[in-house]
């Protein structure tokens, strides 16, 4: 079972499309959070994509702003609708179930499942502490999040990555839950460029091909302006793959500090005596990832292995073996 918490942007859509090829719809749950667009628009985007993928899975609307009331959208990068203006604005009459009102019932149902629940966070972390607490730490196989930049510079400010910038307190709360947390930062995401030539491979997603293609064409045009590349960094699909195929990636336990002040909101930096610790994905068989992003032919999902929490105060940069994973 995979719970995907998403802010409904272009790279989110690609990760969701891949997850739908890897996991049955009955093993997927979606919640949305503000970020690239509003949580309501994100829910519409997810629902529309799932319809094209012929996947039936629940979609719940979560937080519309951060735990401290902050909100910053990325419509200039993802389009006014979050998908390159390919689906349009969510209608005022559209109805979605609220996460807050349904969370207890969902959690009780999931507790009866035999397999552990893995949480994939590909937006600001605002929803994740409540989701994890409702499910219970014993039922969670791990939380994998696209968040931060541990050594690299930010992408929304000089200091901060977009998801972490929107709600650094929520990441701190997530790390305090006692659940294994893997962070996939900008550092590794910027090592892979998804090119315009790769768009032809979206035929693997059937009727969703046109939506994914148009969304990525807009997204890549934004990257050409901001990053000077004729493509994009596919953050969220890398995050998904690191969770599904951990043996293909390299992980390190890293101590770090996290800034929640107004001046350097969302700044994450390595510090040998850092207050926080998490498992970071910083490398791996990236040639394999690039080939997969061209072919979209997925190997079998790797079997679940026993979860291992990051203990407080591990040695600086201690490497975590590839068999330690969120599944």
C-alpha atoms as a PDB file:
ATOM      1  CA  UNK A   1       0.000   0.000   0.000  1.00  0.00           C
ATOM      2  CA  UNK A   2       1.343   3.421  -0.990  1.00  0.00           C
ATOM      3  CA  UNK A   3      -0.121   6.691   0.259  1.00  0.00           C
ATOM      4  CA  UNK A   4       0.903   9.527  -2.084  1.00  0.00           C
ATOM      5  CA  UNK A   5       0.658  13.069  -0.723  1.00  0.00           C
ATOM      6  CA  UNK A   6       0.987  15.476  -3.648  1.00  0.00           C
ATOM      7  CA  UNK A   7       0.681  19.136  -4.596  1.00  0.00           C
ATOM      8  CA  UNK A   8      -0.536  18.298  -8.087  1.00  0.00           C
ATOM      9  CA  UNK A   9       2.247  19.615 -10.313  1.00  0.00           C
ATOM     10  CA  UNK A  10       3.829  18.334 -13.509  1.00  0.00           C
ATOM     11  CA  UNK A  11       6.547  16.196 -11.911  1.00  0.00           C
ATOM     12  CA  UNK A  12       3.924  14.901  -9.449  1.00  0.00           C
ATOM     13  CA  UNK A  13       1.828  13.723 -12.401  1.00  0.00           C
ATOM     14  CA  UNK A  14       4.708  11.720 -13.812  1.00  0.00           C
ATOM     15  CA  UNK A  15       5.352  10.012 -10.476  1.00  0.00           C
ATOM     16  CA  UNK A  16       1.650   9.220 -10.129  1.00  0.00           C
ATOM     17  CA  UNK A  17       1.488   7.777 -13.658  1.00  0.00           C
ATOM     18  CA  UNK A  18       4.487   5.562 -12.888  1.00  0.00           C
ATOM     19  CA  UNK A  19       3.022   4.467  -9.549  1.00  0.00           C
ATOM     20  CA  UNK A  20      -0.169   3.475 -11.341  1.00  0.00           C
ATOM     21  CA  UNK A  21       1.835   1.158 -13.597  1.00  0.00           C
ATOM     22  CA  UNK A  22       3.656  -0.368 -10.646  1.00  0.00           C
ATOM     23  CA  UNK A  23       0.893  -0.739  -8.062  1.00  0.00           C
ATOM     24  CA  UNK A  24      -2.783  -1.676  -8.373  1.00  0.00           C
ATOM     25  CA  UNK A  25      -5.256   1.147  -7.818  1.00  0.00           C
ATOM     26  CA  UNK A  26      -6.602  -0.699  -4.788  1.00  0.00           C
ATOM     27  CA  UNK A  27      -3.157  -0.288  -3.211  1.00  0.00           C
ATOM     28  CA  UNK A  28      -3.010   3.491  -3.734  1.00  0.00           C
ATOM     29  CA  UNK A  29      -4.382   6.358  -1.645  1.00  0.00           C
ATOM     30  CA  UNK A  30      -3.953  10.018  -2.555  1.00  0.00           C
ATOM     31  CA  UNK A  31      -4.101  13.182  -0.514  1.00  0.00           C
ATOM     32  CA  UNK A  32      -3.379  16.666  -1.759  1.00  0.00           C
ATOM     33  CA  UNK A  33      -1.633  19.637  -0.255  1.00  0.00           C
ATOM     34  CA  UNK A  34      -1.089  23.236  -1.294  1.00  0.00           C
ATOM     35  CA  UNK A  35       2.176  23.943  -3.103  1.00  0.00           C
ATOM     36  CA  UNK A  36       2.439  24.039  -6.858  1.00  0.00           C
ATOM     37  CA  UNK A  37      -1.268  24.948  -6.819  1.00  0.00           C
ATOM     38  CA  UNK A  38      -4.041  24.863  -4.219  1.00  0.00           C
ATOM     39  CA  UNK A  39      -4.876  21.539  -2.610  1.00  0.00           C
ATOM     40  CA  UNK A  40      -8.284  21.678  -4.306  1.00  0.00           C
ATOM     41  CA  UNK A  41      -6.777  22.168  -7.758  1.00  0.00           C
ATOM     42  CA  UNK A  42      -4.274  19.412  -7.001  1.00  0.00           C
ATOM     43  CA  UNK A  43      -7.136  17.025  -6.188  1.00  0.00           C
ATOM     44  CA  UNK A  44      -8.759  17.807  -9.521  1.00  0.00           C
ATOM     45  CA  UNK A  45      -5.453  17.227 -11.314  1.00  0.00           C
ATOM     46  CA  UNK A  46      -4.944  13.859  -9.634  1.00  0.00           C
ATOM     47  CA  UNK A  47      -8.511  12.791 -10.324  1.00  0.00           C
ATOM     48  CA  UNK A  48      -8.265  13.759 -13.999  1.00  0.00           C
ATOM     49  CA  UNK A  49      -4.986  11.908 -14.420  1.00  0.00           C
ATOM     50  CA  UNK A  50      -6.301   8.781 -12.707  1.00  0.00           C
ATOM     51  CA  UNK A  51      -9.308   8.783 -15.035  1.00  0.00           C
ATOM     52  CA  UNK A  52      -6.989   8.807 -18.058  1.00  0.00           C
ATOM     53  CA  UNK A  53      -4.915   6.029 -16.509  1.00  0.00           C
ATOM     54  CA  UNK A  54      -8.091   4.013 -15.819  1.00  0.00           C
ATOM     55  CA  UNK A  55      -7.209   3.813 -12.129  1.00  0.00           C
ATOM     56  CA  UNK A  56      -9.735   3.944  -9.310  1.00  0.00           C
ATOM     57  CA  UNK A  57      -8.268   5.207  -6.052  1.00  0.00           C
ATOM     58  CA  UNK A  58      -9.462   7.602  -3.327  1.00  0.00           C
ATOM     59  CA  UNK A  59      -8.363  11.260  -3.476  1.00  0.00           C
ATOM     60  CA  UNK A  60      -8.663  13.494  -0.393  1.00  0.00           C
ATOM     61  CA  UNK A  61      -8.095  17.249  -0.064  1.00  0.00           C
ATOM     62  CA  UNK A  62      -5.640  18.179   2.657  1.00  0.00           C
ATOM     63  CA  UNK A  63      -4.040  21.398   3.869  1.00  0.00           C
ATOM     64  CA  UNK A  64      -4.463  24.637   1.922  1.00  0.00           C
ATOM     65  CA  UNK A  65      -1.670  26.370   3.824  1.00  0.00           C
ATOM     66  CA  UNK A  66       1.253  25.524   6.057  1.00  0.00           C
ATOM     67  CA  UNK A  67       1.168  24.867   9.767  1.00  0.00           C
ATOM     68  CA  UNK A  68       2.107  28.528  10.364  1.00  0.00           C
ATOM     69  CA  UNK A  69      -0.304  29.923   7.755  1.00  0.00           C
ATOM     70  CA  UNK A  70       2.277  30.356   4.983  1.00  0.00           C
ATOM     71  CA  UNK A  71       1.544  29.528   1.327  1.00  0.00           C
ATOM     72  CA  UNK A  72       3.557  30.035  -1.851  1.00  0.00           C
ATOM     73  CA  UNK A  73       2.411  28.644  -5.211  1.00  0.00           C
ATOM     74  CA  UNK A  74       4.527  27.708  -8.254  1.00  0.00           C
ATOM     75  CA  UNK A  75       2.069  28.447 -11.042  1.00  0.00           C
ATOM     76  CA  UNK A  76       4.720  30.312 -13.024  1.00  0.00           C
ATOM     77  CA  UNK A  77       6.609  27.019 -13.347  1.00  0.00           C
ATOM     78  CA  UNK A  78       3.741  24.501 -13.507  1.00  0.00           C
ATOM     79  CA  UNK A  79       1.005  26.626 -15.109  1.00  0.00           C
ATOM     80  CA  UNK A  80      -2.094  28.207 -13.631  1.00  0.00           C
ATOM     81  CA  UNK A  81      -3.680  24.772 -13.223  1.00  0.00           C
ATOM     82  CA  UNK A  82      -0.475  23.030 -12.147  1.00  0.00           C
ATOM     83  CA  UNK A  83      -0.358  20.871 -15.288  1.00  0.00           C
ATOM     84  CA  UNK A  84       0.869  23.306 -17.903  1.00  0.00           C
ATOM     85  CA  UNK A  85      -2.648  24.700 -18.442  1.00  0.00           C
ATOM     86  CA  UNK A  86      -3.708  21.368 -19.933  1.00  0.00           C
ATOM     87  CA  UNK A  87      -6.688  20.581 -17.652  1.00  0.00           C
ATOM     88  CA  UNK A  88      -7.982  24.017 -16.652  1.00  0.00           C
ATOM     89  CA  UNK A  89      -9.186  25.313 -13.320  1.00  0.00           C
ATOM     90  CA  UNK A  90     -11.143  23.102 -10.970  1.00  0.00           C
ATOM     91  CA  UNK A  91     -14.872  23.777 -11.137  1.00  0.00           C
ATOM     92  CA  UNK A  92     -16.596  25.451  -8.212  1.00  0.00           C
ATOM     93  CA  UNK A  93     -19.164  22.653  -8.152  1.00  0.00           C
ATOM     94  CA  UNK A  94     -16.668  19.799  -7.965  1.00  0.00           C
ATOM     95  CA  UNK A  95     -16.730  17.828  -4.725  1.00  0.00           C
ATOM     96  CA  UNK A  96     -13.793  16.138  -2.999  1.00  0.00           C
ATOM     97  CA  UNK A  97     -13.617  14.433   0.353  1.00  0.00           C
ATOM     98  CA  UNK A  98     -11.683  16.436   2.990  1.00  0.00           C
ATOM     99  CA  UNK A  99      -8.706  14.618   4.456  1.00  0.00           C
ATOM    100  CA  UNK A 100      -9.317  15.989   7.955  1.00  0.00           C
ATOM    101  CA  UNK A 101     -12.847  14.599   8.068  1.00  0.00           C
ATOM    102  CA  UNK A 102     -11.965  11.203   6.602  1.00  0.00           C
ATOM    103  CA  UNK A 103      -8.530  10.533   8.074  1.00  0.00           C
ATOM    104  CA  UNK A 104      -9.641   8.496  11.081  1.00  0.00           C
ATOM    105  CA  UNK A 105     -11.849   6.231   8.954  1.00  0.00           C
ATOM    106  CA  UNK A 106      -9.131   5.766   6.337  1.00  0.00           C
ATOM    107  CA  UNK A 107      -6.560   4.985   9.010  1.00  0.00           C
ATOM    108  CA  UNK A 108      -8.811   2.378  10.631  1.00  0.00           C
ATOM    109  CA  UNK A 109      -9.318   0.673   7.287  1.00  0.00           C
ATOM    110  CA  UNK A 110      -5.599   0.694   6.507  1.00  0.00           C
ATOM    111  CA  UNK A 111      -4.770  -0.770   9.914  1.00  0.00           C
ATOM    112  CA  UNK A 112      -6.601  -3.912   8.826  1.00  0.00           C
ATOM    113  CA  UNK A 113      -4.323  -4.338   5.797  1.00  0.00           C
ATOM    114  CA  UNK A 114      -1.587  -6.944   6.121  1.00  0.00           C
ATOM    115  CA  UNK A 115       1.129  -5.064   4.241  1.00  0.00           C
ATOM    116  CA  UNK A 116       2.907  -2.028   5.708  1.00  0.00           C
ATOM    117  CA  UNK A 117       1.887   1.373   4.399  1.00  0.00           C
ATOM    118  CA  UNK A 118       4.515   3.461   2.703  1.00  0.00           C
ATOM    119  CA  UNK A 119       4.027   7.225   2.514  1.00  0.00           C
ATOM    120  CA  UNK A 120       5.391   9.138  -0.470  1.00  0.00           C
ATOM    121  CA  UNK A 121       5.486  12.894   0.117  1.00  0.00           C
ATOM    122  CA  UNK A 122       5.997  14.890  -3.096  1.00  0.00           C
ATOM    123  CA  UNK A 123       4.727  18.257  -1.895  1.00  0.00           C
ATOM    124  CA  UNK A 124       5.079  20.350   1.263  1.00  0.00           C
ATOM    125  CA  UNK A 125       5.015  18.073   4.324  1.00  0.00           C
ATOM    126  CA  UNK A 126       2.009  19.724   5.995  1.00  0.00           C
ATOM    127  CA  UNK A 127      -0.325  16.685   5.819  1.00  0.00           C
ATOM    128  CA  UNK A 128       2.206  14.011   6.672  1.00  0.00           C
ATOM    129  CA  UNK A 129       2.439  14.244  10.500  1.00  0.00           C
ATOM    130  CA  UNK A 130      -1.342  13.892  10.816  1.00  0.00           C
ATOM    131  CA  UNK A 131      -1.457  11.005   8.311  1.00  0.00           C
ATOM    132  CA  UNK A 132       1.363   9.151  10.059  1.00  0.00           C
ATOM    133  CA  UNK A 133      -0.070   9.679  13.528  1.00  0.00           C
ATOM    134  CA  UNK A 134      -3.508   8.450  12.417  1.00  0.00           C
ATOM    135  CA  UNK A 135      -2.116   5.299  10.817  1.00  0.00           C
ATOM    136  CA  UNK A 136       0.312   4.597  13.665  1.00  0.00           C
ATOM    137  CA  UNK A 137       4.051   4.101  13.476  1.00  0.00           C
ATOM    138  CA  UNK A 138       3.801   0.307  13.667  1.00  0.00           C
ATOM    139  CA  UNK A 139       1.847   0.190  10.391  1.00  0.00           C
ATOM    140  CA  UNK A 140       4.137   2.493   8.435  1.00  0.00           C
ATOM    141  CA  UNK A 141       6.954   0.893   6.453  1.00  0.00           C
ATOM    142  CA  UNK A 142       8.624   4.267   5.917  1.00  0.00           C
ATOM    143  CA  UNK A 143       8.142   7.827   4.711  1.00  0.00           C
ATOM    144  CA  UNK A 144       9.968   8.961   1.576  1.00  0.00           C
ATOM    145  CA  UNK A 145       9.916  12.690   0.828  1.00  0.00           C
ATOM    146  CA  UNK A 146      11.122  14.976  -1.931  1.00  0.00           C
ATOM    147  CA  UNK A 147      12.405  17.798   0.244  1.00  0.00           C
ATOM    148  CA  UNK A 148      15.288  20.173   0.772  1.00  0.00           C
ATOM    149  CA  UNK A 149      18.820  20.607  -0.474  1.00  0.00           C
ATOM    150  CA  UNK A 150      21.439  19.316   1.961  1.00  0.00           C
ATOM    151  CA  UNK A 151      24.591  20.488   0.145  1.00  0.00           C
ATOM    152  CA  UNK A 152      23.190  22.194  -2.957  1.00  0.00           C
ATOM    153  CA  UNK A 153      21.540  25.609  -3.253  1.00  0.00           C
ATOM    154  CA  UNK A 154      17.775  26.056  -3.236  1.00  0.00           C
ATOM    155  CA  UNK A 155      15.340  26.446  -6.130  1.00  0.00           C
ATOM    156  CA  UNK A 156      12.851  28.910  -4.624  1.00  0.00           C
ATOM    157  CA  UNK A 157      15.378  31.007  -2.694  1.00  0.00           C
ATOM    158  CA  UNK A 158      19.141  30.803  -2.536  1.00  0.00           C
ATOM    159  CA  UNK A 159      18.792  28.741   0.620  1.00  0.00           C
ATOM    160  CA  UNK A 160      15.621  26.688   0.224  1.00  0.00           C
ATOM    161  CA  UNK A 161      13.971  23.999  -1.886  1.00  0.00           C
ATOM    162  CA  UNK A 162      10.320  24.704  -2.726  1.00  0.00           C
ATOM    163  CA  UNK A 163       8.573  21.957  -0.716  1.00  0.00           C
ATOM    164  CA  UNK A 164      10.627  22.599   2.399  1.00  0.00           C
ATOM    165  CA  UNK A 165      10.295  26.378   2.018  1.00  0.00           C
ATOM    166  CA  UNK A 166       6.515  26.053   2.211  1.00  0.00           C
ATOM    167  CA  UNK A 167       6.489  24.206   5.544  1.00  0.00           C
ATOM    168  CA  UNK A 168       9.794  23.506   7.332  1.00  0.00           C
ATOM    169  CA  UNK A 169       7.977  22.971  10.654  1.00  0.00           C
ATOM    170  CA  UNK A 170       6.056  20.051   9.149  1.00  0.00           C
ATOM    171  CA  UNK A 171       9.287  18.310   8.189  1.00  0.00           C
ATOM    172  CA  UNK A 172      10.576  18.788  11.741  1.00  0.00           C
ATOM    173  CA  UNK A 173       7.334  17.288  13.066  1.00  0.00           C
ATOM    174  CA  UNK A 174       7.636  14.341  10.672  1.00  0.00           C
ATOM    175  CA  UNK A 175      11.192  13.615  11.802  1.00  0.00           C
ATOM    176  CA  UNK A 176      10.000  13.571  15.418  1.00  0.00           C
ATOM    177  CA  UNK A 177       7.435  10.804  14.792  1.00  0.00           C
ATOM    178  CA  UNK A 178       9.875   7.939  15.242  1.00  0.00           C
ATOM    179  CA  UNK A 179       9.102   6.591  11.766  1.00  0.00           C
ATOM    180  CA  UNK A 180      11.924   5.881   9.264  1.00  0.00           C
ATOM    181  CA  UNK A 181      12.228   8.930   6.994  1.00  0.00           C
ATOM    182  CA  UNK A 182      14.117   9.061   3.701  1.00  0.00           C
ATOM    183  CA  UNK A 183      14.730  12.461   2.138  1.00  0.00           C
ATOM    184  CA  UNK A 184      15.339  12.807  -1.593  1.00  0.00           C
ATOM    185  CA  UNK A 185      16.839  16.311  -1.953  1.00  0.00           C
ATOM    186  CA  UNK A 186      17.574  18.558  -4.913  1.00  0.00           C
ATOM    187  CA  UNK A 187      21.166  17.294  -4.765  1.00  0.00           C
ATOM    188  CA  UNK A 188      20.276  14.030  -6.530  1.00  0.00           C
ATOM    189  CA  UNK A 189      17.313  15.365  -8.515  1.00  0.00           C
ATOM    190  CA  UNK A 190      19.578  17.790 -10.362  1.00  0.00           C
ATOM    191  CA  UNK A 191      21.793  14.929 -11.521  1.00  0.00           C
ATOM    192  CA  UNK A 192      19.144  13.727 -13.974  1.00  0.00           C
ATOM    193  CA  UNK A 193      17.673  15.753 -16.846  1.00  0.00           C
ATOM    194  CA  UNK A 194      14.461  14.568 -18.493  1.00  0.00           C
ATOM    195  CA  UNK A 195      14.746  15.835 -22.077  1.00  0.00           C
ATOM    196  CA  UNK A 196      12.191  16.828 -24.706  1.00  0.00           C
ATOM    197  CA  UNK A 197      13.271  13.846 -26.773  1.00  0.00           C
ATOM    198  CA  UNK A 198      12.099  11.621 -23.904  1.00  0.00           C
ATOM    199  CA  UNK A 199       8.496  12.826 -24.245  1.00  0.00           C
ATOM    200  CA  UNK A 200       7.817  10.259 -26.973  1.00  0.00           C
ATOM    201  CA  UNK A 201       8.064   7.569 -24.293  1.00  0.00           C
ATOM    202  CA  UNK A 202       4.824   8.828 -22.743  1.00  0.00           C
ATOM    203  CA  UNK A 203       3.015   6.582 -25.203  1.00  0.00           C
ATOM    204  CA  UNK A 204       3.534   3.945 -22.503  1.00  0.00           C
ATOM    205  CA  UNK A 205       0.831   5.738 -20.483  1.00  0.00           C
ATOM    206  CA  UNK A 206      -1.901   5.328 -23.088  1.00  0.00           C
ATOM    207  CA  UNK A 207      -4.677   7.948 -22.964  1.00  0.00           C
ATOM    208  CA  UNK A 208      -2.677   9.988 -20.420  1.00  0.00           C
ATOM    209  CA  UNK A 209       0.064  10.585 -22.998  1.00  0.00           C
ATOM    210  CA  UNK A 210      -1.360  13.859 -24.323  1.00  0.00           C
ATOM    211  CA  UNK A 211      -1.875  15.402 -20.880  1.00  0.00           C
ATOM    212  CA  UNK A 212       1.601  14.404 -19.695  1.00  0.00           C
ATOM    213  CA  UNK A 213       3.199  15.657 -22.900  1.00  0.00           C
ATOM    214  CA  UNK A 214       1.505  19.066 -22.891  1.00  0.00           C
ATOM    215  CA  UNK A 215       2.179  19.534 -19.185  1.00  0.00           C
ATOM    216  CA  UNK A 216       5.864  18.720 -19.603  1.00  0.00           C
ATOM    217  CA  UNK A 217       6.259  20.956 -22.640  1.00  0.00           C
ATOM    218  CA  UNK A 218       5.119  23.907 -20.510  1.00  0.00           C
ATOM    219  CA  UNK A 219       7.275  22.763 -17.591  1.00  0.00           C
ATOM    220  CA  UNK A 220      10.362  22.380 -19.772  1.00  0.00           C
ATOM    221  CA  UNK A 221       9.866  25.857 -21.243  1.00  0.00           C
ATOM    222  CA  UNK A 222       9.953  27.205 -17.685  1.00  0.00           C
ATOM    223  CA  UNK A 223      13.188  25.311 -17.043  1.00  0.00           C
ATOM    224  CA  UNK A 224      14.738  26.735 -20.178  1.00  0.00           C
ATOM    225  CA  UNK A 225      14.158  30.203 -18.751  1.00  0.00           C
ATOM    226  CA  UNK A 226      15.258  29.473 -15.181  1.00  0.00           C
ATOM    227  CA  UNK A 227      17.875  26.709 -15.525  1.00  0.00           C
ATOM    228  CA  UNK A 228      19.066  27.071 -19.123  1.00  0.00           C
ATOM    229  CA  UNK A 229      18.303  23.425 -19.978  1.00  0.00           C
ATOM    230  CA  UNK A 230      16.040  21.988 -22.666  1.00  0.00           C
ATOM    231  CA  UNK A 231      14.315  19.621 -20.292  1.00  0.00           C
ATOM    232  CA  UNK A 232      13.499  19.406 -16.584  1.00  0.00           C
ATOM    233  CA  UNK A 233      14.597  17.818 -13.344  1.00  0.00           C
ATOM    234  CA  UNK A 234      12.085  15.012 -12.656  1.00  0.00           C
ATOM    235  CA  UNK A 235      12.171  15.314  -8.862  1.00  0.00           C
ATOM    236  CA  UNK A 236       9.155  13.247  -7.937  1.00  0.00           C
ATOM    237  CA  UNK A 237       9.703  10.217 -10.168  1.00  0.00           C
ATOM    238  CA  UNK A 238      13.209   9.929  -8.715  1.00  0.00           C
ATOM    239  CA  UNK A 239      11.670  10.020  -5.250  1.00  0.00           C
ATOM    240  CA  UNK A 240       9.223   7.250  -6.154  1.00  0.00           C
ATOM    241  CA  UNK A 241      11.918   5.089  -7.751  1.00  0.00           C
ATOM    242  CA  UNK A 242      14.187   5.405  -4.710  1.00  0.00           C
ATOM    243  CA  UNK A 243      11.364   4.000  -2.601  1.00  0.00           C
ATOM    244  CA  UNK A 244      10.345   1.200  -4.984  1.00  0.00           C
ATOM    245  CA  UNK A 245      13.856   0.164  -6.077  1.00  0.00           C
ATOM    246  CA  UNK A 246      16.148   1.019  -3.137  1.00  0.00           C
ATOM    247  CA  UNK A 247      18.914  -1.336  -4.304  1.00  0.00           C
ATOM    248  CA  UNK A 248      19.489   0.997  -7.274  1.00  0.00           C
ATOM    249  CA  UNK A 249      20.238   3.961  -5.003  1.00  0.00           C
ATOM    250  CA  UNK A 250      22.730   4.956  -2.317  1.00  0.00           C
ATOM    251  CA  UNK A 251      21.666   6.296   1.079  1.00  0.00           C
ATOM    252  CA  UNK A 252      23.491   8.029   3.920  1.00  0.00           C
ATOM    253  CA  UNK A 253      22.456   8.969   7.448  1.00  0.00           C
ATOM    254  CA  UNK A 254      23.202  12.680   7.706  1.00  0.00           C
ATOM    255  CA  UNK A 255      22.850  15.145  10.597  1.00  0.00           C
ATOM    256  CA  UNK A 256      21.610  18.591   9.625  1.00  0.00           C
ATOM    257  CA  UNK A 257      20.156  21.855  10.798  1.00  0.00           C
ATOM    258  CA  UNK A 258      16.841  23.247   9.597  1.00  0.00           C
ATOM    259  CA  UNK A 259      16.010  26.954   9.582  1.00  0.00           C
ATOM    260  CA  UNK A 260      12.391  27.978  10.160  1.00  0.00           C
ATOM    261  CA  UNK A 261      13.046  31.720  10.493  1.00  0.00           C
ATOM    262  CA  UNK A 262      11.575  34.259   8.085  1.00  0.00           C
ATOM    263  CA  UNK A 263      14.991  35.248   6.777  1.00  0.00           C
ATOM    264  CA  UNK A 264      16.176  31.770   5.742  1.00  0.00           C
ATOM    265  CA  UNK A 265      12.979  29.783   5.829  1.00  0.00           C
ATOM    266  CA  UNK A 266      13.504  26.195   4.732  1.00  0.00           C
ATOM    267  CA  UNK A 267      17.288  26.263   4.747  1.00  0.00           C
ATOM    268  CA  UNK A 268      18.613  22.730   5.290  1.00  0.00           C
ATOM    269  CA  UNK A 269      22.341  22.257   5.729  1.00  0.00           C
ATOM    270  CA  UNK A 270      24.655  19.496   6.854  1.00  0.00           C
ATOM    271  CA  UNK A 271      26.102  20.026  10.319  1.00  0.00           C
ATOM    272  CA  UNK A 272      28.111  17.447  12.221  1.00  0.00           C
ATOM    273  CA  UNK A 273      26.191  18.304  15.403  1.00  0.00           C
ATOM    274  CA  UNK A 274      22.895  18.983  13.646  1.00  0.00           C
ATOM    275  CA  UNK A 275      19.637  18.786  15.565  1.00  0.00           C
ATOM    276  CA  UNK A 276      17.976  16.575  12.953  1.00  0.00           C
ATOM    277  CA  UNK A 277      18.921  13.290  11.329  1.00  0.00           C
ATOM    278  CA  UNK A 278      17.494  11.488   8.318  1.00  0.00           C
ATOM    279  CA  UNK A 279      18.426   9.003   5.657  1.00  0.00           C
ATOM    280  CA  UNK A 280      19.296  10.898   2.460  1.00  0.00           C
ATOM    281  CA  UNK A 281      19.280   9.525  -1.067  1.00  0.00           C
ATOM    282  CA  UNK A 282      22.243  11.166  -2.789  1.00  0.00           C
ATOM    283  CA  UNK A 283      23.346   8.809  -5.562  1.00  0.00           C
ATOM    284  CA  UNK A 284      23.049   5.432  -7.184  1.00  0.00           C
ATOM    285  CA  UNK A 285      22.799   3.775 -10.578  1.00  0.00           C
ATOM    286  CA  UNK A 286      21.658   6.914 -12.341  1.00  0.00           C
ATOM    287  CA  UNK A 287      22.355   5.454 -15.777  1.00  0.00           C
ATOM    288  CA  UNK A 288      19.678   2.866 -14.970  1.00  0.00           C
ATOM    289  CA  UNK A 289      17.285   5.656 -13.949  1.00  0.00           C
ATOM    290  CA  UNK A 290      17.908   7.537 -17.193  1.00  0.00           C
ATOM    291  CA  UNK A 291      17.259   4.405 -19.260  1.00  0.00           C
ATOM    292  CA  UNK A 292      14.030   3.733 -17.392  1.00  0.00           C
ATOM    293  CA  UNK A 293      12.831   7.297 -17.998  1.00  0.00           C
ATOM    294  CA  UNK A 294      13.234   6.664 -21.713  1.00  0.00           C
ATOM    295  CA  UNK A 295      11.627   3.235 -21.889  1.00  0.00           C
ATOM    296  CA  UNK A 296       9.059   3.169 -19.022  1.00  0.00           C
ATOM    297  CA  UNK A 297       9.467  -0.591 -18.786  1.00  0.00           C
ATOM    298  CA  UNK A 298       9.536  -1.331 -15.070  1.00  0.00           C
ATOM    299  CA  UNK A 299      11.146  -4.333 -13.375  1.00  0.00           C
ATOM    300  CA  UNK A 300       9.303  -6.033 -10.542  1.00  0.00           C
ATOM    301  CA  UNK A 301       8.916  -3.976  -7.369  1.00  0.00           C
ATOM    302  CA  UNK A 302      11.586  -4.940  -4.855  1.00  0.00           C
ATOM    303  CA  UNK A 303      10.362  -6.929  -1.851  1.00  0.00           C
ATOM    304  CA  UNK A 304       9.806  -5.234   1.463  1.00  0.00           C
ATOM    305  CA  UNK A 305      12.647  -5.460   3.951  1.00  0.00           C
ATOM    306  CA  UNK A 306      12.501  -4.738   7.641  1.00  0.00           C
ATOM    307  CA  UNK A 307      12.284  -1.058   8.347  1.00  0.00           C
ATOM    308  CA  UNK A 308      15.139   0.634  10.119  1.00  0.00           C
ATOM    309  CA  UNK A 309      14.709   3.957  11.851  1.00  0.00           C
ATOM    310  CA  UNK A 310      17.453   6.554  11.844  1.00  0.00           C
ATOM    311  CA  UNK A 311      18.721   6.555  15.393  1.00  0.00           C
ATOM    312  CA  UNK A 312      19.451   9.900  17.044  1.00  0.00           C
ATOM    313  CA  UNK A 313      22.995  11.039  16.463  1.00  0.00           C
ATOM    314  CA  UNK A 314      24.440   8.549  13.911  1.00  0.00           C
ATOM    315  CA  UNK A 315      28.032   9.004  12.848  1.00  0.00           C
ATOM    316  CA  UNK A 316      28.479  11.792  10.350  1.00  0.00           C
ATOM    317  CA  UNK A 317      27.645  10.631   6.853  1.00  0.00           C
ATOM    318  CA  UNK A 318      27.358   6.977   7.838  1.00  0.00           C
ATOM    319  CA  UNK A 319      26.312   4.992   4.814  1.00  0.00           C
ATOM    320  CA  UNK A 320      23.124   2.956   4.856  1.00  0.00           C
ATOM    321  CA  UNK A 321      23.270  -0.276   2.885  1.00  0.00           C
ATOM    322  CA  UNK A 322      20.971  -0.630  -0.105  1.00  0.00           C
ATOM    323  CA  UNK A 323      18.878  -3.310   1.601  1.00  0.00           C
ATOM    324  CA  UNK A 324      17.578  -0.799   4.141  1.00  0.00           C
ATOM    325  CA  UNK A 325      14.511   0.645   2.494  1.00  0.00           C
ATOM    326  CA  UNK A 326      11.006   1.976   2.892  1.00  0.00           C
ATOM    327  CA  UNK A 327       9.609  -1.271   1.525  1.00  0.00           C
END
